[in-house]
Amino acid sequence: MGQRIQIIFRIPEIYYNENNPNNEKEKILVFHNQWLYGINFLKYADRLIYALKDKIKHEKSLPFKTINYNDIIQKSIMYANNRDLSYITNTNIYMDYKSLYNNSDNKYLKESKNIDAFLDIWDNNNGFLYIKIDKKGKISYDIITGFEDSEIRKRVNPKEYLNLFYEDSDMIKSGEYGVVKSIFNLNKVKRINIFNDLKKFQELLK
């Protein structure tokens, strides 16, 4: 019950050296948030992207050749969850990294008939946040709707997402209309098409 969204990450491979058991293939990770929608969805996304960019930049400055994106994501989510104590979030990965949902073989994406079928797996009624980190550490994102029991699932920009929940006049009265322009970090990263991107990745898995 309650409002809920999922955060889908596509992260690059983690390669230390040949035959290293800690090597991991490029993969999908899916996180569940039970109380996230509307304006708080955008505020959360902005904090998360800020943390991801900061951690990646820091890791690149270190004398190591390999970046552990699993660790970066976990720490960034902790930051995004707790940075705004006025709105307590509850974001958790589905099971664990070795589970059916989040394994190195990307089982669910690989076996889904199409991307809609993959998205249907998750317990969602207020949309998805998609974040892709490429092998150079560059971040891109997308947002799609996902109202419970609705057959409509489409890509939306941050403003369009807000208008699913609020009229402009109501946001102006409440003083929250400026949120769209205040999400500096989200506005500074490229928006990509989640459907196209996941489809291309799915084809690579076959």
C-alpha atoms as a PDB file:
ATOM      1  CA  MET A   1       0.000   0.000   0.000  1.00  0.00           C
ATOM      2  CA  GLY A   2       0.991   3.636  -0.233  1.00  0.00           C
ATOM      3  CA  GLN A   3       2.720   5.704  -2.878  1.00  0.00           C
ATOM      4  CA  ARG A   4       5.654   3.961  -4.488  1.00  0.00           C
ATOM      5  CA  ILE A   5       8.145   4.281  -7.309  1.00  0.00           C
ATOM      6  CA  GLN A   6      11.152   2.353  -8.554  1.00  0.00           C
ATOM      7  CA  ILE A   7      14.618   3.615  -9.420  1.00  0.00           C
ATOM      8  CA  ILE A   8      16.236   1.633 -12.222  1.00  0.00           C
ATOM      9  CA  PHE A   9      20.003   1.916 -12.645  1.00  0.00           C
ATOM     10  CA  ARG A  10      22.000   0.733 -15.631  1.00  0.00           C
ATOM     11  CA  ILE A  11      25.635   0.593 -14.606  1.00  0.00           C
ATOM     12  CA  PRO A  12      28.796  -0.329 -16.544  1.00  0.00           C
ATOM     13  CA  GLU A  13      30.899  -3.393 -15.947  1.00  0.00           C
ATOM     14  CA  ILE A  14      33.248  -3.504 -12.978  1.00  0.00           C
ATOM     15  CA  TYR A  15      36.589  -4.955 -14.081  1.00  0.00           C
ATOM     16  CA  TYR A  16      39.595  -5.296 -11.800  1.00  0.00           C
ATOM     17  CA  ASN A  17      41.755  -7.813 -13.652  1.00  0.00           C
ATOM     18  CA  GLU A  18      41.477 -11.135 -15.446  1.00  0.00           C
ATOM     19  CA  ASN A  19      39.786 -13.923 -13.457  1.00  0.00           C
ATOM     20  CA  ASN A  20      39.105 -11.594 -10.523  1.00  0.00           C
ATOM     21  CA  PRO A  21      35.976 -12.907  -8.720  1.00  0.00           C
ATOM     22  CA  ASN A  22      34.907  -9.315  -8.031  1.00  0.00           C
ATOM     23  CA  ASN A  23      34.525  -8.530 -11.747  1.00  0.00           C
ATOM     24  CA  GLU A  24      30.909  -7.819 -12.699  1.00  0.00           C
ATOM     25  CA  LYS A  25      29.188  -7.469 -16.058  1.00  0.00           C
ATOM     26  CA  GLU A  26      27.183  -4.424 -17.071  1.00  0.00           C
ATOM     27  CA  LYS A  27      23.849  -4.748 -15.306  1.00  0.00           C
ATOM     28  CA  ILE A  28      20.538  -3.391 -14.108  1.00  0.00           C
ATOM     29  CA  LEU A  29      19.790  -2.655 -10.446  1.00  0.00           C
ATOM     30  CA  VAL A  30      16.278  -1.835  -9.260  1.00  0.00           C
ATOM     31  CA  PHE A  31      15.445   0.011  -6.035  1.00  0.00           C
ATOM     32  CA  HIS A  32      12.035   0.416  -4.428  1.00  0.00           C
ATOM     33  CA  ASN A  33      10.839   3.545  -2.647  1.00  0.00           C
ATOM     34  CA  GLN A  34       7.582   3.243  -0.716  1.00  0.00           C
ATOM     35  CA  TRP A  35       6.844   6.944  -0.069  1.00  0.00           C
ATOM     36  CA  LEU A  36       8.016   8.964  -3.032  1.00  0.00           C
ATOM     37  CA  TYR A  37       5.957  10.900  -5.590  1.00  0.00           C
ATOM     38  CA  GLY A  38       5.181  14.394  -6.844  1.00  0.00           C
ATOM     39  CA  ILE A  39       7.444  17.235  -5.780  1.00  0.00           C
ATOM     40  CA  ASN A  40       9.391  15.020  -3.396  1.00  0.00           C
ATOM     41  CA  PHE A  41      10.155  12.672  -6.292  1.00  0.00           C
ATOM     42  CA  LEU A  42      11.963  15.487  -8.110  1.00  0.00           C
ATOM     43  CA  LYS A  43      13.745  16.724  -4.992  1.00  0.00           C
ATOM     44  CA  TYR A  44      14.919  13.194  -4.312  1.00  0.00           C
ATOM     45  CA  ALA A  45      16.089  12.662  -7.902  1.00  0.00           C
ATOM     46  CA  ASP A  46      18.047  15.906  -7.711  1.00  0.00           C
ATOM     47  CA  ARG A  47      19.783  14.906  -4.457  1.00  0.00           C
ATOM     48  CA  LEU A  48      20.550  11.463  -5.840  1.00  0.00           C
ATOM     49  CA  ILE A  49      22.146  12.766  -9.028  1.00  0.00           C
ATOM     50  CA  TYR A  50      24.148  15.325  -7.036  1.00  0.00           C
ATOM     51  CA  ALA A  51      25.510  12.533  -4.829  1.00  0.00           C
ATOM     52  CA  LEU A  52      26.266  10.245  -7.772  1.00  0.00           C
ATOM     53  CA  LYS A  53      28.181  12.957  -9.624  1.00  0.00           C
ATOM     54  CA  ASP A  54      30.117  13.920  -6.491  1.00  0.00           C
ATOM     55  CA  LYS A  55      31.075  10.326  -5.648  1.00  0.00           C
ATOM     56  CA  ILE A  56      32.091   9.497  -9.226  1.00  0.00           C
ATOM     57  CA  LYS A  57      34.238  12.632  -9.412  1.00  0.00           C
ATOM     58  CA  HIS A  58      35.897  11.695  -6.130  1.00  0.00           C
ATOM     59  CA  GLU A  59      36.553   8.110  -7.214  1.00  0.00           C
ATOM     60  CA  LYS A  60      38.085   9.289 -10.485  1.00  0.00           C
ATOM     61  CA  SER A  61      40.541  11.436  -8.531  1.00  0.00           C
ATOM     62  CA  LEU A  62      41.916   8.394  -6.686  1.00  0.00           C
ATOM     63  CA  PRO A  63      44.883   6.357  -7.996  1.00  0.00           C
ATOM     64  CA  PHE A  64      42.695   3.334  -8.754  1.00  0.00           C
ATOM     65  CA  LYS A  65      41.707   2.229 -12.239  1.00  0.00           C
ATOM     66  CA  THR A  66      38.372   0.647 -11.288  1.00  0.00           C
ATOM     67  CA  ILE A  67      35.275   2.368  -9.904  1.00  0.00           C
ATOM     68  CA  ASN A  68      32.839   0.265  -7.886  1.00  0.00           C
ATOM     69  CA  TYR A  69      29.480   1.649  -9.011  1.00  0.00           C
ATOM     70  CA  ASN A  70      27.579  -0.647  -6.654  1.00  0.00           C
ATOM     71  CA  ASP A  71      29.215   1.092  -3.715  1.00  0.00           C
ATOM     72  CA  ILE A  72      28.666   4.547  -5.212  1.00  0.00           C
ATOM     73  CA  ILE A  73      24.955   3.889  -5.719  1.00  0.00           C
ATOM     74  CA  GLN A  74      24.473   2.587  -2.181  1.00  0.00           C
ATOM     75  CA  LYS A  75      26.193   5.623  -0.644  1.00  0.00           C
ATOM     76  CA  SER A  76      24.363   8.057  -2.928  1.00  0.00           C
ATOM     77  CA  ILE A  77      20.994   6.569  -1.976  1.00  0.00           C
ATOM     78  CA  MET A  78      21.880   6.886   1.709  1.00  0.00           C
ATOM     79  CA  TYR A  79      22.623  10.572   1.082  1.00  0.00           C
ATOM     80  CA  ALA A  80      19.418  11.132  -0.879  1.00  0.00           C
ATOM     81  CA  ASN A  81      17.349   9.319   1.760  1.00  0.00           C
ATOM     82  CA  ASN A  82      18.623  11.371   4.677  1.00  0.00           C
ATOM     83  CA  ARG A  83      19.610  14.756   3.286  1.00  0.00           C
ATOM     84  CA  ASP A  84      16.080  16.097   3.740  1.00  0.00           C
ATOM     85  CA  LEU A  85      14.963  15.047   7.216  1.00  0.00           C
ATOM     86  CA  SER A  86      11.616  16.786   6.796  1.00  0.00           C
ATOM     87  CA  TYR A  87      10.623  14.013   4.397  1.00  0.00           C
ATOM     88  CA  ILE A  88      11.852  10.581   5.422  1.00  0.00           C
ATOM     89  CA  THR A  89      12.342   8.294   2.454  1.00  0.00           C
ATOM     90  CA  ASN A  90      12.583   4.545   2.444  1.00  0.00           C
ATOM     91  CA  THR A  91      14.596   3.350  -0.546  1.00  0.00           C
ATOM     92  CA  ASN A  92      15.774  -0.241  -0.639  1.00  0.00           C
ATOM     93  CA  ILE A  93      17.167  -2.527  -3.280  1.00  0.00           C
ATOM     94  CA  TYR A  94      14.941  -5.431  -4.276  1.00  0.00           C
ATOM     95  CA  MET A  95      16.472  -8.312  -2.316  1.00  0.00           C
ATOM     96  CA  ASP A  96      20.207  -8.115  -3.049  1.00  0.00           C
ATOM     97  CA  TYR A  97      22.735  -7.873  -5.860  1.00  0.00           C
ATOM     98  CA  LYS A  98      22.784 -11.648  -6.383  1.00  0.00           C
ATOM     99  CA  SER A  99      19.008 -12.003  -6.426  1.00  0.00           C
ATOM    100  CA  LEU A 100      16.733 -12.845  -9.333  1.00  0.00           C
ATOM    101  CA  TYR A 101      15.978  -9.158  -9.787  1.00  0.00           C
ATOM    102  CA  ASN A 102      19.511  -7.781  -9.620  1.00  0.00           C
ATOM    103  CA  ASN A 103      22.038 -10.327 -10.809  1.00  0.00           C
ATOM    104  CA  SER A 104      24.996 -10.046 -13.130  1.00  0.00           C
ATOM    105  CA  ASP A 105      23.117 -11.935 -15.846  1.00  0.00           C
ATOM    106  CA  ASN A 106      20.201  -9.467 -15.890  1.00  0.00           C
ATOM    107  CA  LYS A 107      17.774 -12.387 -15.894  1.00  0.00           C
ATOM    108  CA  TYR A 108      14.524 -10.389 -15.707  1.00  0.00           C
ATOM    109  CA  LEU A 109      15.422  -7.997 -18.507  1.00  0.00           C
ATOM    110  CA  LYS A 110      16.832 -10.784 -20.646  1.00  0.00           C
ATOM    111  CA  GLU A 111      13.741 -12.976 -20.347  1.00  0.00           C
ATOM    112  CA  SER A 112      11.071 -10.246 -20.583  1.00  0.00           C
ATOM    113  CA  LYS A 113       9.073 -10.217 -23.822  1.00  0.00           C
ATOM    114  CA  ASN A 114       9.549  -6.459 -24.133  1.00  0.00           C
ATOM    115  CA  ILE A 115      10.408  -3.422 -22.006  1.00  0.00           C
ATOM    116  CA  ASP A 116       6.811  -2.911 -20.887  1.00  0.00           C
ATOM    117  CA  ALA A 117       6.789  -6.493 -19.603  1.00  0.00           C
ATOM    118  CA  PHE A 118      10.009  -5.787 -17.698  1.00  0.00           C
ATOM    119  CA  LEU A 119       8.478  -2.685 -16.105  1.00  0.00           C
ATOM    120  CA  ASP A 120       5.318  -4.607 -15.235  1.00  0.00           C
ATOM    121  CA  ILE A 121       7.352  -6.756 -12.852  1.00  0.00           C
ATOM    122  CA  TRP A 122       7.789  -3.986 -10.305  1.00  0.00           C
ATOM    123  CA  ASP A 123       5.365  -2.841  -7.615  1.00  0.00           C
ATOM    124  CA  ASN A 124       4.748   0.667  -8.892  1.00  0.00           C
ATOM    125  CA  ASN A 125       1.981   3.249  -8.921  1.00  0.00           C
ATOM    126  CA  ASN A 126       3.724   6.605  -9.285  1.00  0.00           C
ATOM    127  CA  GLY A 127       6.358   6.252 -11.962  1.00  0.00           C
ATOM    128  CA  PHE A 128       9.968   5.240 -12.547  1.00  0.00           C
ATOM    129  CA  LEU A 129      13.249   7.108 -12.333  1.00  0.00           C
ATOM    130  CA  TYR A 130      15.815   5.690 -14.765  1.00  0.00           C
ATOM    131  CA  ILE A 131      19.500   6.495 -14.298  1.00  0.00           C
ATOM    132  CA  LYS A 132      22.220   5.306 -16.649  1.00  0.00           C
ATOM    133  CA  ILE A 133      25.911   5.573 -15.816  1.00  0.00           C
ATOM    134  CA  ASP A 134      28.156   4.880 -18.798  1.00  0.00           C
ATOM    135  CA  LYS A 135      31.684   3.472 -18.734  1.00  0.00           C
ATOM    136  CA  LYS A 136      33.129   6.989 -18.521  1.00  0.00           C
ATOM    137  CA  GLY A 137      31.003   7.781 -15.470  1.00  0.00           C
ATOM    138  CA  LYS A 138      28.637  10.092 -17.332  1.00  0.00           C
ATOM    139  CA  ILE A 139      25.078  10.181 -15.970  1.00  0.00           C
ATOM    140  CA  SER A 140      21.841  10.423 -17.943  1.00  0.00           C
ATOM    141  CA  TYR A 141      18.242   9.925 -16.838  1.00  0.00           C
ATOM    142  CA  ASP A 142      14.593   9.566 -17.757  1.00  0.00           C
ATOM    143  CA  ILE A 143      11.237   9.667 -15.958  1.00  0.00           C
ATOM    144  CA  ILE A 144       8.199   7.657 -16.925  1.00  0.00           C
ATOM    145  CA  THR A 145       4.684   7.644 -15.533  1.00  0.00           C
ATOM    146  CA  GLY A 146       3.209   4.558 -13.975  1.00  0.00           C
ATOM    147  CA  PHE A 147      -0.067   5.181 -12.158  1.00  0.00           C
ATOM    148  CA  GLU A 148      -1.564   2.107 -10.523  1.00  0.00           C
ATOM    149  CA  ASP A 149      -4.033   0.216 -12.741  1.00  0.00           C
ATOM    150  CA  SER A 150      -3.310   2.581 -15.633  1.00  0.00           C
ATOM    151  CA  GLU A 151      -2.436   1.148 -19.036  1.00  0.00           C
ATOM    152  CA  ILE A 152      -0.639   4.381 -19.943  1.00  0.00           C
ATOM    153  CA  ARG A 153       3.100   4.452 -19.391  1.00  0.00           C
ATOM    154  CA  LYS A 154       4.971   7.270 -21.061  1.00  0.00           C
ATOM    155  CA  ARG A 155       8.065   9.408 -20.744  1.00  0.00           C
ATOM    156  CA  VAL A 156       7.668  12.796 -19.073  1.00  0.00           C
ATOM    157  CA  ASN A 157       9.951  15.693 -18.246  1.00  0.00           C
ATOM    158  CA  PRO A 158      10.142  16.996 -14.638  1.00  0.00           C
ATOM    159  CA  LYS A 159       7.450  19.639 -15.207  1.00  0.00           C
ATOM    160  CA  GLU A 160       5.103  17.140 -16.844  1.00  0.00           C
ATOM    161  CA  TYR A 161       5.644  14.765 -13.938  1.00  0.00           C
ATOM    162  CA  LEU A 162       4.670  17.475 -11.443  1.00  0.00           C
ATOM    163  CA  ASN A 163       1.514  18.274 -13.372  1.00  0.00           C
ATOM    164  CA  LEU A 164       0.355  14.696 -12.927  1.00  0.00           C
ATOM    165  CA  PHE A 165      -0.191  15.606  -9.289  1.00  0.00           C
ATOM    166  CA  TYR A 166      -0.571  19.418  -9.101  1.00  0.00           C
ATOM    167  CA  GLU A 167      -2.048  22.260 -11.113  1.00  0.00           C
ATOM    168  CA  ASP A 168       0.287  25.188 -11.758  1.00  0.00           C
ATOM    169  CA  SER A 169      -2.045  27.495  -9.838  1.00  0.00           C
ATOM    170  CA  ASP A 170      -1.862  25.283  -6.752  1.00  0.00           C
ATOM    171  CA  MET A 171       1.946  25.164  -6.906  1.00  0.00           C
ATOM    172  CA  ILE A 172       2.129  28.940  -7.229  1.00  0.00           C
ATOM    173  CA  LYS A 173      -0.111  29.375  -4.171  1.00  0.00           C
ATOM    174  CA  SER A 174       1.939  26.928  -2.116  1.00  0.00           C
ATOM    175  CA  GLY A 175       5.245  28.483  -3.191  1.00  0.00           C
ATOM    176  CA  GLU A 176       6.466  25.217  -4.715  1.00  0.00           C
ATOM    177  CA  TYR A 177       6.286  26.198  -8.372  1.00  0.00           C
ATOM    178  CA  GLY A 178       9.973  27.109  -8.310  1.00  0.00           C
ATOM    179  CA  VAL A 179      10.942  23.500  -7.682  1.00  0.00           C
ATOM    180  CA  VAL A 180      11.144  22.863 -11.429  1.00  0.00           C
ATOM    181  CA  LYS A 181      13.849  25.484 -11.825  1.00  0.00           C
ATOM    182  CA  SER A 182      15.564  24.679  -8.529  1.00  0.00           C
ATOM    183  CA  ILE A 183      16.451  21.087  -9.420  1.00  0.00           C
ATOM    184  CA  PHE A 184      19.837  22.220 -10.661  1.00  0.00           C
ATOM    185  CA  ASN A 185      21.523  18.830 -10.807  1.00  0.00           C
ATOM    186  CA  LEU A 186      18.681  17.091 -12.609  1.00  0.00           C
ATOM    187  CA  ASN A 187      18.541  19.899 -15.164  1.00  0.00           C
ATOM    188  CA  LYS A 188      22.258  19.570 -15.867  1.00  0.00           C
ATOM    189  CA  VAL A 189      22.254  15.946 -16.975  1.00  0.00           C
ATOM    190  CA  LYS A 190      21.112  14.580 -20.299  1.00  0.00           C
ATOM    191  CA  ARG A 191      17.668  13.025 -20.616  1.00  0.00           C
ATOM    192  CA  ILE A 192      17.598   9.790 -22.609  1.00  0.00           C
ATOM    193  CA  ASN A 193      14.835   7.465 -23.749  1.00  0.00           C
ATOM    194  CA  ILE A 194      14.497   4.639 -21.226  1.00  0.00           C
ATOM    195  CA  PHE A 195      12.566   2.430 -23.644  1.00  0.00           C
ATOM    196  CA  ASN A 196      15.188   2.705 -26.389  1.00  0.00           C
ATOM    197  CA  ASP A 197      18.108   2.371 -24.016  1.00  0.00           C
ATOM    198  CA  LEU A 198      16.786  -0.712 -22.214  1.00  0.00           C
ATOM    199  CA  LYS A 199      15.794  -2.280 -25.521  1.00  0.00           C
ATOM    200  CA  LYS A 200      19.338  -1.906 -26.852  1.00  0.00           C
ATOM    201  CA  PHE A 201      20.724  -3.412 -23.659  1.00  0.00           C
ATOM    202  CA  GLN A 202      18.203  -6.251 -23.798  1.00  0.00           C
ATOM    203  CA  GLU A 203      19.334  -7.070 -27.342  1.00  0.00           C
ATOM    204  CA  LEU A 204      22.956  -7.213 -26.165  1.00  0.00           C
ATOM    205  CA  LEU A 205      21.977  -9.854 -23.603  1.00  0.00           C
ATOM    206  CA  LYS A 206      20.560 -12.269 -26.191  1.00  0.00           C
END
